[in-house]
Amino acid sequence: MPLYGEGILWYILIVDSIGYNILCWTRGKWHKKTTHWLSSYIPMNKVMGLLYLFLLLWIGSALGRLDILSFK
């Protein structure tokens, strides 16, 4: 099954979302930032992390139903 541009972009964003949630839900030396690297308007908090992950999973399920993501 070929990889499409939408699928590659989704994989990159899901890795970013997982990293974002790890930084939001844990504490450590990497947690000095209060905003996301993409924009200063996206705050680093747990609600935004869950929303970001939920929206990407929802888009991933739609792309999976269209056979754009190669889950098989």
PDB file of N, CA and C in Angstrom:
ATOM      1  N   MET A   1       0.845  -1.170   0.000  1.00  0.00           N
ATOM      2  CA  MET A   1       0.000   0.000   0.000  1.00  0.00           C
ATOM      3  C   MET A   1       0.897   1.242   0.000  1.00  0.00           C
ATOM      4  N   PRO A   2       0.658   2.161  -0.900  1.00  0.00           N
ATOM      5  CA  PRO A   2       1.513   3.350  -0.969  1.00  0.00           C
ATOM      6  C   PRO A   2       1.226   4.328   0.173  1.00  0.00           C
ATOM      7  N   LEU A   3       2.230   5.084   0.524  1.00  0.00           N
ATOM      8  CA  LEU A   3       2.063   6.138   1.522  1.00  0.00           C
ATOM      9  C   LEU A   3       1.726   7.440   0.809  1.00  0.00           C
ATOM     10  N   TYR A   4       0.730   8.124   1.311  1.00  0.00           N
ATOM     11  CA  TYR A   4       0.320   9.398   0.747  1.00  0.00           C
ATOM     12  C   TYR A   4       0.848  10.524   1.632  1.00  0.00           C
ATOM     13  N   GLY A   5       0.837  11.738   1.100  1.00  0.00           N
ATOM     14  CA  GLY A   5       1.305  12.899   1.850  1.00  0.00           C
ATOM     15  C   GLY A   5       0.513  13.131   3.113  1.00  0.00           C
ATOM     16  N   GLU A   6      -0.798  12.884   3.049  1.00  0.00           N
ATOM     17  CA  GLU A   6      -1.634  13.061   4.237  1.00  0.00           C
ATOM     18  C   GLU A   6      -1.249  12.079   5.330  1.00  0.00           C
ATOM     19  N   GLY A   7      -0.925  10.857   4.925  1.00  0.00           N
ATOM     20  CA  GLY A   7      -0.524   9.841   5.890  1.00  0.00           C
ATOM     21  C   GLY A   7       0.796  10.179   6.554  1.00  0.00           C
ATOM     22  N   ILE A   8       1.756  10.636   5.769  1.00  0.00           N
ATOM     23  CA  ILE A   8       3.053  11.010   6.325  1.00  0.00           C
ATOM     24  C   ILE A   8       2.901  12.185   7.287  1.00  0.00           C
ATOM     25  N   LEU A   9       2.112  13.181   6.899  1.00  0.00           N
ATOM     26  CA  LEU A   9       1.868  14.326   7.780  1.00  0.00           C
ATOM     27  C   LEU A   9       1.171  13.887   9.064  1.00  0.00           C
ATOM     28  N   TRP A  10       0.225  12.949   8.955  1.00  0.00           N
ATOM     29  CA  TRP A  10      -0.472  12.468  10.146  1.00  0.00           C
ATOM     30  C   TRP A  10       0.485  11.752  11.090  1.00  0.00           C
ATOM     31  N   TYR A  11       1.382  10.927  10.535  1.00  0.00           N
ATOM     32  CA  TYR A  11       2.353  10.231  11.382  1.00  0.00           C
ATOM     33  C   TYR A  11       3.272  11.221  12.104  1.00  0.00           C
ATOM     34  N   ILE A  12       3.696  12.265  11.431  1.00  0.00           N
ATOM     35  CA  ILE A  12       4.549  13.277  12.059  1.00  0.00           C
ATOM     36  C   ILE A  12       3.786  13.982  13.179  1.00  0.00           C
ATOM     37  N   LEU A  13       2.527  14.338  12.914  1.00  0.00           N
ATOM     38  CA  LEU A  13       1.733  15.043  13.922  1.00  0.00           C
ATOM     39  C   LEU A  13       1.372  14.157  15.105  1.00  0.00           C
ATOM     40  N   ILE A  14       1.157  12.860  14.898  1.00  0.00           N
ATOM     41  CA  ILE A  14       0.823  11.982  16.019  1.00  0.00           C
ATOM     42  C   ILE A  14       2.041  11.796  16.932  1.00  0.00           C
ATOM     43  N   VAL A  15       3.240  11.756  16.351  1.00  0.00           N
ATOM     44  CA  VAL A  15       4.453  11.679  17.175  1.00  0.00           C
ATOM     45  C   VAL A  15       4.605  12.975  17.976  1.00  0.00           C
ATOM     46  N   ASP A  16       4.328  14.126  17.338  1.00  0.00           N
ATOM     47  CA  ASP A  16       4.380  15.405  18.042  1.00  0.00           C
ATOM     48  C   ASP A  16       3.336  15.452  19.159  1.00  0.00           C
ATOM     49  N   SER A  17       2.151  14.940  18.904  1.00  0.00           N
ATOM     50  CA  SER A  17       1.089  14.933  19.905  1.00  0.00           C
ATOM     51  C   SER A  17       1.458  14.067  21.108  1.00  0.00           C
ATOM     52  N   ILE A  18       2.058  12.930  20.852  1.00  0.00           N
ATOM     53  CA  ILE A  18       2.476  12.062  21.952  1.00  0.00           C
ATOM     54  C   ILE A  18       3.559  12.739  22.778  1.00  0.00           C
ATOM     55  N   GLY A  19       4.524  13.370  22.114  1.00  0.00           N
ATOM     56  CA  GLY A  19       5.558  14.110  22.833  1.00  0.00           C
ATOM     57  C   GLY A  19       4.991  15.268  23.627  1.00  0.00           C
ATOM     58  N   TYR A  20       4.030  15.975  23.043  1.00  0.00           N
ATOM     59  CA  TYR A  20       3.358  17.089  23.721  1.00  0.00           C
ATOM     60  C   TYR A  20       2.664  16.606  24.987  1.00  0.00           C
ATOM     61  N   ASN A  21       1.966  15.475  24.890  1.00  0.00           N
ATOM     62  CA  ASN A  21       1.267  14.942  26.060  1.00  0.00           C
ATOM     63  C   ASN A  21       2.231  14.439  27.116  1.00  0.00           C
ATOM     64  N   ILE A  22       3.337  13.863  26.716  1.00  0.00           N
ATOM     65  CA  ILE A  22       4.337  13.422  27.692  1.00  0.00           C
ATOM     66  C   ILE A  22       4.863  14.628  28.459  1.00  0.00           C
ATOM     67  N   LEU A  23       5.142  15.722  27.747  1.00  0.00           N
ATOM     68  CA  LEU A  23       5.640  16.927  28.419  1.00  0.00           C
ATOM     69  C   LEU A  23       4.577  17.567  29.300  1.00  0.00           C
ATOM     70  N   CYS A  24       3.316  17.460  28.903  1.00  0.00           N
ATOM     71  CA  CYS A  24       2.243  18.054  29.708  1.00  0.00           C
ATOM     72  C   CYS A  24       1.962  17.267  30.980  1.00  0.00           C
ATOM     73  N   TRP A  25       2.055  15.959  30.918  1.00  0.00           N
ATOM     74  CA  TRP A  25       1.644  15.126  32.036  1.00  0.00           C
ATOM     75  C   TRP A  25       2.782  14.735  32.966  1.00  0.00           C
ATOM     76  N   THR A  26       4.021  15.053  32.628  1.00  0.00           N
ATOM     77  CA  THR A  26       5.156  14.727  33.497  1.00  0.00           C
ATOM     78  C   THR A  26       5.871  16.004  33.908  1.00  0.00           C
ATOM     79  N   ARG A  27       6.777  15.871  34.835  1.00  0.00           N
ATOM     80  CA  ARG A  27       7.575  17.006  35.284  1.00  0.00           C
ATOM     81  C   ARG A  27       9.049  16.648  35.125  1.00  0.00           C
ATOM     82  N   GLY A  28       9.847  17.639  34.825  1.00  0.00           N
ATOM     83  CA  GLY A  28      11.275  17.389  34.670  1.00  0.00           C
ATOM     84  C   GLY A  28      12.004  18.619  34.184  1.00  0.00           C
ATOM     85  N   LYS A  29      13.259  18.406  33.764  1.00  0.00           N
ATOM     86  CA  LYS A  29      14.086  19.547  33.373  1.00  0.00           C
ATOM     87  C   LYS A  29      13.700  20.130  32.015  1.00  0.00           C
ATOM     88  N   TRP A  30      12.938  19.421  31.191  1.00  0.00           N
ATOM     89  CA  TRP A  30      12.544  19.921  29.871  1.00  0.00           C
ATOM     90  C   TRP A  30      11.293  20.786  29.934  1.00  0.00           C
ATOM     91  N   HIS A  31      10.765  21.025  31.092  1.00  0.00           N
ATOM     92  CA  HIS A  31       9.459  21.653  31.235  1.00  0.00           C
ATOM     93  C   HIS A  31       9.520  23.143  31.556  1.00  0.00           C
ATOM     94  N   LYS A  32      10.511  23.811  31.070  1.00  0.00           N
ATOM     95  CA  LYS A  32      10.622  25.242  31.316  1.00  0.00           C
ATOM     96  C   LYS A  32       9.747  26.058  30.365  1.00  0.00           C
ATOM     97  N   LYS A  33       9.338  25.480  29.242  1.00  0.00           N
ATOM     98  CA  LYS A  33       8.504  26.196  28.275  1.00  0.00           C
ATOM     99  C   LYS A  33       7.049  26.185  28.711  1.00  0.00           C
ATOM    100  N   THR A  34       6.341  27.231  28.350  1.00  0.00           N
ATOM    101  CA  THR A  34       4.912  27.303  28.645  1.00  0.00           C
ATOM    102  C   THR A  34       4.070  27.284  27.379  1.00  0.00           C
ATOM    103  N   THR A  35       4.723  27.274  26.203  1.00  0.00           N
ATOM    104  CA  THR A  35       3.989  27.220  24.934  1.00  0.00           C
ATOM    105  C   THR A  35       4.565  26.120  24.061  1.00  0.00           C
ATOM    106  N   HIS A  36       3.828  25.765  23.039  1.00  0.00           N
ATOM    107  CA  HIS A  36       4.226  24.749  22.085  1.00  0.00           C
ATOM    108  C   HIS A  36       5.201  25.355  21.086  1.00  0.00           C
ATOM    109  N   TRP A  37       6.062  24.545  20.476  1.00  0.00           N
ATOM    110  CA  TRP A  37       7.060  25.060  19.543  1.00  0.00           C
ATOM    111  C   TRP A  37       6.428  25.625  18.277  1.00  0.00           C
ATOM    112  N   LEU A  38       5.244  25.153  17.920  1.00  0.00           N
ATOM    113  CA  LEU A  38       4.602  25.567  16.675  1.00  0.00           C
ATOM    114  C   LEU A  38       4.056  26.986  16.754  1.00  0.00           C
ATOM    115  N   SER A  39       3.538  27.372  17.888  1.00  0.00           N
ATOM    116  CA  SER A  39       2.924  28.685  18.008  1.00  0.00           C
ATOM    117  C   SER A  39       2.943  29.136  19.460  1.00  0.00           C
ATOM    118  N   SER A  40       3.017  30.426  19.638  1.00  0.00           N
ATOM    119  CA  SER A  40       2.967  30.947  21.004  1.00  0.00           C
ATOM    120  C   SER A  40       1.533  31.012  21.520  1.00  0.00           C
ATOM    121  N   TYR A  41       0.555  30.724  20.664  1.00  0.00           N
ATOM    122  CA  TYR A  41      -0.847  30.743  21.075  1.00  0.00           C
ATOM    123  C   TYR A  41      -1.328  29.400  21.611  1.00  0.00           C
ATOM    124  N   ILE A  42      -0.525  28.347  21.471  1.00  0.00           N
ATOM    125  CA  ILE A  42      -0.910  27.021  21.954  1.00  0.00           C
ATOM    126  C   ILE A  42      -0.257  26.806  23.317  1.00  0.00           C
ATOM    127  N   PRO A  43      -1.027  26.828  24.398  1.00  0.00           N
ATOM    128  CA  PRO A  43      -0.422  26.672  25.731  1.00  0.00           C
ATOM    129  C   PRO A  43      -0.060  25.216  26.012  1.00  0.00           C
ATOM    130  N   MET A  44       0.915  25.013  26.887  1.00  0.00           N
ATOM    131  CA  MET A  44       1.299  23.673  27.310  1.00  0.00           C
ATOM    132  C   MET A  44       0.485  23.315  28.547  1.00  0.00           C
ATOM    133  N   ASN A  45      -0.695  22.728  28.342  1.00  0.00           N
ATOM    134  CA  ASN A  45      -1.470  22.244  29.481  1.00  0.00           C
ATOM    135  C   ASN A  45      -2.162  20.943  29.107  1.00  0.00           C
ATOM    136  N   LYS A  46      -2.705  20.275  30.114  1.00  0.00           N
ATOM    137  CA  LYS A  46      -3.245  18.930  29.927  1.00  0.00           C
ATOM    138  C   LYS A  46      -4.494  18.908  29.062  1.00  0.00           C
ATOM    139  N   VAL A  47      -5.337  19.919  29.157  1.00  0.00           N
ATOM    140  CA  VAL A  47      -6.570  19.953  28.356  1.00  0.00           C
ATOM    141  C   VAL A  47      -6.232  20.084  26.876  1.00  0.00           C
ATOM    142  N   MET A  48      -5.298  20.977  26.542  1.00  0.00           N
ATOM    143  CA  MET A  48      -4.896  21.132  25.149  1.00  0.00           C
ATOM    144  C   MET A  48      -4.228  19.858  24.639  1.00  0.00           C
ATOM    145  N   GLY A  49      -3.467  19.194  25.489  1.00  0.00           N
ATOM    146  CA  GLY A  49      -2.822  17.947  25.095  1.00  0.00           C
ATOM    147  C   GLY A  49      -3.830  16.864  24.755  1.00  0.00           C
ATOM    148  N   LEU A  50      -4.846  16.714  25.603  1.00  0.00           N
ATOM    149  CA  LEU A  50      -5.880  15.713  25.331  1.00  0.00           C
ATOM    150  C   LEU A  50      -6.699  16.075  24.098  1.00  0.00           C
ATOM    151  N   LEU A  51      -6.997  17.358  23.920  1.00  0.00           N
ATOM    152  CA  LEU A  51      -7.738  17.802  22.745  1.00  0.00           C
ATOM    153  C   LEU A  51      -6.937  17.547  21.471  1.00  0.00           C
ATOM    154  N   TYR A  52      -5.663  17.866  21.500  1.00  0.00           N
ATOM    155  CA  TYR A  52      -4.765  17.639  20.360  1.00  0.00           C
ATOM    156  C   TYR A  52      -4.713  16.152  20.008  1.00  0.00           C
ATOM    157  N   LEU A  53      -4.546  15.300  21.011  1.00  0.00           N
ATOM    158  CA  LEU A  53      -4.489  13.862  20.777  1.00  0.00           C
ATOM    159  C   LEU A  53      -5.825  13.329  20.270  1.00  0.00           C
ATOM    160  N   PHE A  54      -6.938  13.765  20.859  1.00  0.00           N
ATOM    161  CA  PHE A  54      -8.256  13.314  20.431  1.00  0.00           C
ATOM    162  C   PHE A  54      -8.530  13.700  18.981  1.00  0.00           C
ATOM    163  N   LEU A  55      -8.220  14.945  18.608  1.00  0.00           N
ATOM    164  CA  LEU A  55      -8.465  15.374  17.236  1.00  0.00           C
ATOM    165  C   LEU A  55      -7.608  14.610  16.233  1.00  0.00           C
ATOM    166  N   LEU A  56      -6.358  14.322  16.592  1.00  0.00           N
ATOM    167  CA  LEU A  56      -5.518  13.558  15.684  1.00  0.00           C
ATOM    168  C   LEU A  56      -5.977  12.103  15.566  1.00  0.00           C
ATOM    169  N   LEU A  57      -6.463  11.526  16.655  1.00  0.00           N
ATOM    170  CA  LEU A  57      -6.992  10.164  16.568  1.00  0.00           C
ATOM    171  C   LEU A  57      -8.264  10.122  15.733  1.00  0.00           C
ATOM    172  N   TRP A  58      -9.069  11.156  15.834  1.00  0.00           N
ATOM    173  CA  TRP A  58     -10.295  11.243  15.037  1.00  0.00           C
ATOM    174  C   TRP A  58      -9.960  11.381  13.546  1.00  0.00           C
ATOM    175  N   ILE A  59      -9.014  12.230  13.220  1.00  0.00           N
ATOM    176  CA  ILE A  59      -8.578  12.370  11.832  1.00  0.00           C
ATOM    177  C   ILE A  59      -7.923  11.082  11.352  1.00  0.00           C
ATOM    178  N   GLY A  60      -7.157  10.425  12.227  1.00  0.00           N
ATOM    179  CA  GLY A  60      -6.527   9.157  11.864  1.00  0.00           C
ATOM    180  C   GLY A  60      -7.535   8.068  11.578  1.00  0.00           C
ATOM    181  N   SER A  61      -8.636   8.049  12.318  1.00  0.00           N
ATOM    182  CA  SER A  61      -9.663   7.042  12.029  1.00  0.00           C
ATOM    183  C   SER A  61     -10.328   7.320  10.680  1.00  0.00           C
ATOM    184  N   ALA A  62     -10.528   8.597  10.350  1.00  0.00           N
ATOM    185  CA  ALA A  62     -11.100   8.934   9.040  1.00  0.00           C
ATOM    186  C   ALA A  62     -10.128   8.581   7.920  1.00  0.00           C
ATOM    187  N   LEU A  63      -8.850   8.881   8.100  1.00  0.00           N
ATOM    188  CA  LEU A  63      -7.856   8.526   7.084  1.00  0.00           C
ATOM    189  C   LEU A  63      -7.701   7.010   6.972  1.00  0.00           C
ATOM    190  N   GLY A  64      -7.847   6.317   8.082  1.00  0.00           N
ATOM    191  CA  GLY A  64      -7.782   4.855   8.054  1.00  0.00           C
ATOM    192  C   GLY A  64      -8.950   4.244   7.293  1.00  0.00           C
ATOM    193  N   ARG A  65     -10.145   4.812   7.460  1.00  0.00           N
ATOM    194  CA  ARG A  65     -11.311   4.318   6.726  1.00  0.00           C
ATOM    195  C   ARG A  65     -11.198   4.594   5.231  1.00  0.00           C
ATOM    196  N   LEU A  66     -10.468   5.638   4.869  1.00  0.00           N
ATOM    197  CA  LEU A  66     -10.248   5.942   3.461  1.00  0.00           C
ATOM    198  C   LEU A  66      -9.061   5.179   2.881  1.00  0.00           C
ATOM    199  N   ASP A  67      -8.436   4.329   3.690  1.00  0.00           N
ATOM    200  CA  ASP A  67      -7.241   3.543   3.310  1.00  0.00           C
ATOM    201  C   ASP A  67      -6.071   4.425   2.886  1.00  0.00           C
ATOM    202  N   ILE A  68      -5.942   5.580   3.524  1.00  0.00           N
ATOM    203  CA  ILE A  68      -4.807   6.448   3.254  1.00  0.00           C
ATOM    204  C   ILE A  68      -3.647   6.087   4.189  1.00  0.00           C
ATOM    205  N   LEU A  69      -3.970   5.706   5.414  1.00  0.00           N
ATOM    206  CA  LEU A  69      -2.941   5.251   6.346  1.00  0.00           C
ATOM    207  C   LEU A  69      -2.724   3.769   6.146  1.00  0.00           C
ATOM    208  N   SER A  70      -1.472   3.340   6.186  1.00  0.00           N
ATOM    209  CA  SER A  70      -1.191   1.921   5.953  1.00  0.00           C
ATOM    210  C   SER A  70      -1.085   1.189   7.290  1.00  0.00           C
ATOM    211  N   PHE A  71      -2.238   0.882   7.884  1.00  0.00           N
ATOM    212  CA  PHE A  71      -2.265   0.122   9.135  1.00  0.00           C
ATOM    213  C   PHE A  71      -2.113  -1.373   8.876  1.00  0.00           C
ATOM    214  N   LYS A  72      -2.379  -1.816   7.684  1.00  0.00           N
ATOM    215  CA  LYS A  72      -2.384  -3.248   7.379  1.00  0.00           C
ATOM    216  C   LYS A  72      -1.036  -3.752   6.965  1.00  0.00           C
TER     217      LYS A  72
END
